[in-house]
Amino acid sequence: MLYLYAKAVHIIFVICWMVGLFYMPRLYIYHTEAKDKGKDAYAILHQQFTLMENRLWWVITTPAMYMAILSAMLMLYVNPGLLSMGWMHIKLLFVAGMVFYHFRTQRLMYKFRDQTSTLTSGRLRMWNEVATLFMFAIVFAVVLKSALNLVYGLVGLIGLAIVLMFLIKLYKNYRRRKGEKVD
C-alpha cells in the first residue's frame, strides 16, 4: 500500500516539475523578446519576468523535483527489485539528464536576472524542447518496460527531435511572414 501512495505522490510531483520545466524557458523567450519593447518598457518587464521566474522556480519547479525524487526513492526502497530491470536503468539515465537540464535551466534564470544572457529567442525555443524529449523518453521507458527496443526508441527520439526542430523553423517562418522580428 505504501508503494501505491508513493507512486501517486511521484506522479503528481513529476507533473508539477514538468510544468515548471516547460514554462520556465517560455518565460525566458518572453524575457528576451521584451528587449525589443524599448528601454523603459524593458526595465519594467525585466523586473516582472524576474519575479515570475523566481517564484515559478523556487515555489513550484524545484520543490516538485525534490518531491518527485524522494517519492521515487521511497518506491525503490519499498520495491528494490525495480533496480534489477533494464527499463528502470534507461529511465534513471533519462531522469539524470532531466535533473541536469533542471540545473542548467536554473543557471539561465540567474543569467536573465543579472541581464547577462546572450541567448536568442530561437535558441531558447530549442532549449524549451529538450524537456519534451526527456518526458517522451521517460514515459516510453516506463510504459513499454521490457518491450522497449533500444534501437527503435533511439530512432523515435531522434525522429521526434527532428520534427520538433522542423516545427520551430515553421513557426519562425510564420512569424517572419507576419512581419515580426525573428532571431
Protein backbone atom coordinates (compact mmCIF):
# COMPACT_ATOMS: atom_id res chain seq x y z
CA MET A 1 0.00 0.00 0.00
CA LEU A 2 2.90 2.37 0.81
CA TYR A 3 4.24 1.78 -2.70
CA LEU A 4 0.97 2.94 -4.28
CA TYR A 5 0.85 6.10 -2.16
CA ALA A 6 4.46 6.84 -3.08
CA LYS A 7 3.64 6.22 -6.74
CA ALA A 8 0.65 8.59 -6.65
CA VAL A 9 2.76 11.31 -4.99
CA HIS A 10 5.52 10.66 -7.53
CA ILE A 11 3.19 11.11 -10.50
CA ILE A 12 1.71 14.31 -9.05
CA PHE A 13 5.10 15.90 -8.42
CA VAL A 14 6.55 14.79 -11.75
CA ILE A 15 3.65 16.61 -13.42
CA CYS A 16 4.35 19.74 -11.33
CA TRP A 17 8.07 19.52 -12.13
CA MET A 18 7.42 19.16 -15.85
CA VAL A 19 5.04 22.13 -15.81
CA GLY A 20 7.86 24.25 -14.42
CA LEU A 21 10.41 22.88 -16.89
CA PHE A 22 8.05 23.59 -19.78
CA TYR A 23 7.03 27.08 -18.68
CA MET A 24 10.39 28.43 -17.50
CA PRO A 25 12.03 28.52 -20.96
CA ARG A 26 8.84 30.08 -22.32
CA LEU A 27 9.26 32.88 -19.76
CA TYR A 28 12.87 33.24 -20.92
CA ILE A 29 11.66 33.65 -24.51
CA TYR A 30 9.28 36.43 -23.45
CA HIS A 31 12.00 37.94 -21.28
CA THR A 32 14.37 38.02 -24.26
CA GLU A 33 11.78 39.44 -26.64
CA ALA A 34 10.90 42.17 -24.12
CA LYS A 35 14.20 43.83 -25.05
CA ASP A 36 12.54 44.85 -28.33
CA LYS A 37 9.93 46.92 -26.45
CA GLY A 38 12.27 49.79 -25.65
CA LYS A 39 14.46 50.62 -22.69
CA ASP A 40 11.76 51.91 -20.33
CA ALA A 41 9.33 49.09 -21.07
CA TYR A 42 12.11 46.51 -20.77
CA ALA A 43 13.08 47.81 -17.32
CA ILE A 44 9.54 47.18 -16.08
CA LEU A 45 9.16 43.86 -17.93
CA HIS A 46 12.57 42.64 -16.74
CA GLN A 47 11.54 43.23 -13.15
CA GLN A 48 8.23 41.39 -13.68
CA PHE A 49 9.76 38.45 -15.57
CA THR A 50 12.48 38.09 -12.93
CA LEU A 51 9.82 37.94 -10.23
CA MET A 52 7.72 35.39 -12.17
CA GLU A 53 10.73 33.21 -12.97
CA ASN A 54 11.93 33.28 -9.38
CA ARG A 55 8.54 32.30 -7.97
CA LEU A 56 7.93 29.57 -10.54
CA TRP A 57 11.36 28.13 -9.89
CA TRP A 58 11.53 28.23 -6.10
CA VAL A 59 7.86 27.72 -5.21
CA ILE A 60 6.86 25.07 -7.79
CA THR A 61 9.59 23.63 -10.01
CA THR A 62 12.45 22.91 -7.62
CA PRO A 63 10.33 21.63 -4.69
CA ALA A 64 8.44 19.42 -7.16
CA MET A 65 11.72 17.98 -8.45
CA TYR A 66 12.84 17.09 -4.93
CA MET A 67 9.46 15.58 -4.04
CA ALA A 68 9.46 13.53 -7.26
CA ILE A 69 12.95 12.23 -6.45
CA LEU A 70 12.11 11.50 -2.80
CA SER A 71 8.93 9.62 -3.71
CA ALA A 72 10.87 7.67 -6.37
CA MET A 73 13.48 6.73 -3.79
CA LEU A 74 10.70 5.54 -1.47
CA MET A 75 9.24 3.40 -4.27
CA LEU A 76 12.68 1.88 -4.91
CA TYR A 77 13.17 1.27 -1.20
CA VAL A 78 9.80 -0.49 -0.91
CA ASN A 79 10.36 -2.44 -4.16
CA PRO A 80 14.15 -2.77 -4.70
CA GLY A 81 13.57 -5.37 -7.41
CA LEU A 82 12.83 -2.48 -9.78
CA LEU A 83 16.54 -1.69 -9.83
CA SER A 84 17.29 -5.02 -11.50
CA MET A 85 15.13 -4.21 -14.52
CA GLY A 86 16.67 -2.84 -17.69
CA TRP A 87 13.87 -0.37 -18.38
CA MET A 88 14.48 1.20 -14.95
CA HIS A 89 18.14 1.75 -15.82
CA ILE A 90 17.09 3.52 -19.01
CA LYS A 91 14.52 5.59 -17.13
CA LEU A 92 17.05 6.59 -14.46
CA LEU A 93 19.53 7.61 -17.16
CA PHE A 94 16.95 9.95 -18.69
CA VAL A 95 15.92 11.22 -15.25
CA ALA A 96 19.58 12.08 -14.59
CA GLY A 97 19.55 14.01 -17.88
CA MET A 98 16.41 15.83 -16.80
CA VAL A 99 17.98 16.77 -13.45
CA PHE A 100 20.98 18.13 -15.37
CA TYR A 101 18.57 20.06 -17.62
CA HIS A 102 16.85 21.41 -14.49
CA PHE A 103 20.05 22.88 -13.10
CA ARG A 104 21.14 24.27 -16.48
CA THR A 105 17.74 25.99 -16.70
CA GLN A 106 18.33 27.37 -13.21
CA ARG A 107 21.67 28.78 -14.34
CA LEU A 108 19.82 30.51 -17.20
CA MET A 109 17.45 32.05 -14.64
CA TYR A 110 20.42 33.68 -12.92
CA LYS A 111 21.73 34.97 -16.25
CA PHE A 112 18.37 36.55 -17.04
CA ARG A 113 18.18 38.07 -13.57
CA ASP A 114 21.68 39.54 -14.00
CA GLN A 115 20.94 40.54 -17.61
CA THR A 116 23.91 38.56 -18.91
CA SER A 117 22.05 36.06 -21.11
CA THR A 118 23.04 36.20 -24.75
CA LEU A 119 20.64 33.51 -25.96
CA THR A 120 18.21 34.40 -28.73
CA SER A 121 14.54 33.53 -28.55
CA GLY A 122 15.16 30.98 -31.33
CA ARG A 123 17.79 29.18 -29.26
CA LEU A 124 15.51 29.31 -26.23
CA ARG A 125 12.71 27.71 -28.27
CA MET A 126 15.05 24.82 -28.99
CA TRP A 127 16.08 24.66 -25.32
CA ASN A 128 12.38 24.51 -24.43
CA GLU A 129 12.00 21.27 -26.42
CA VAL A 130 14.73 19.41 -24.52
CA ALA A 131 12.32 18.81 -21.61
CA THR A 132 9.81 17.41 -24.12
CA LEU A 133 12.38 14.90 -25.36
CA PHE A 134 13.19 13.78 -21.81
CA MET A 135 9.50 13.43 -21.00
CA PHE A 136 8.85 11.28 -24.08
CA ALA A 137 11.86 9.09 -23.35
CA ILE A 138 10.90 8.54 -19.71
CA VAL A 139 7.22 7.84 -20.40
CA PHE A 140 8.02 5.36 -23.17
CA ALA A 141 10.61 3.61 -21.00
CA VAL A 142 8.09 3.22 -18.17
CA VAL A 143 5.09 2.23 -20.28
CA LEU A 144 6.86 -0.15 -22.67
CA LYS A 145 9.14 -1.67 -19.98
CA SER A 146 10.56 -4.96 -21.27
CA ALA A 147 9.05 -4.42 -24.71
CA LEU A 148 11.35 -1.42 -25.06
CA ASN A 149 13.65 -1.83 -28.01
CA LEU A 150 16.62 0.49 -27.58
CA VAL A 151 17.21 0.94 -31.31
CA TYR A 152 13.58 1.81 -32.08
CA GLY A 153 13.42 4.04 -29.02
CA LEU A 154 16.54 5.93 -30.07
CA VAL A 155 15.32 6.28 -33.64
CA GLY A 156 11.96 7.50 -32.33
CA LEU A 157 13.60 10.13 -30.09
CA ILE A 158 15.81 11.36 -32.92
CA GLY A 159 12.74 11.48 -35.17
CA LEU A 160 10.82 13.45 -32.54
CA ALA A 161 13.74 15.88 -32.16
CA ILE A 162 13.81 16.41 -35.93
CA VAL A 163 10.04 17.00 -36.04
CA LEU A 164 10.28 19.49 -33.16
CA MET A 165 13.13 21.39 -34.85
CA PHE A 166 11.15 21.44 -38.11
CA LEU A 167 8.12 22.85 -36.30
CA ILE A 168 10.27 25.53 -34.67
CA LYS A 169 11.55 26.52 -38.13
CA LEU A 170 7.99 26.63 -39.48
CA TYR A 171 6.91 28.87 -36.60
CA LYS A 172 9.91 31.14 -37.19
CA ASN A 173 8.96 31.48 -40.88
CA TYR A 174 5.34 32.16 -39.90
CA ARG A 175 6.43 34.97 -37.56
CA ARG A 176 8.73 36.37 -40.24
CA ARG A 177 5.86 36.47 -42.74
CA LYS A 178 3.72 38.32 -40.18
CA GLY A 179 6.43 40.96 -40.03
CA GLU A 180 7.67 40.15 -36.52
CA LYS A 181 11.31 40.44 -35.63
CA VAL A 182 12.80 36.94 -35.63
CA ASP A 183 16.28 35.96 -34.48
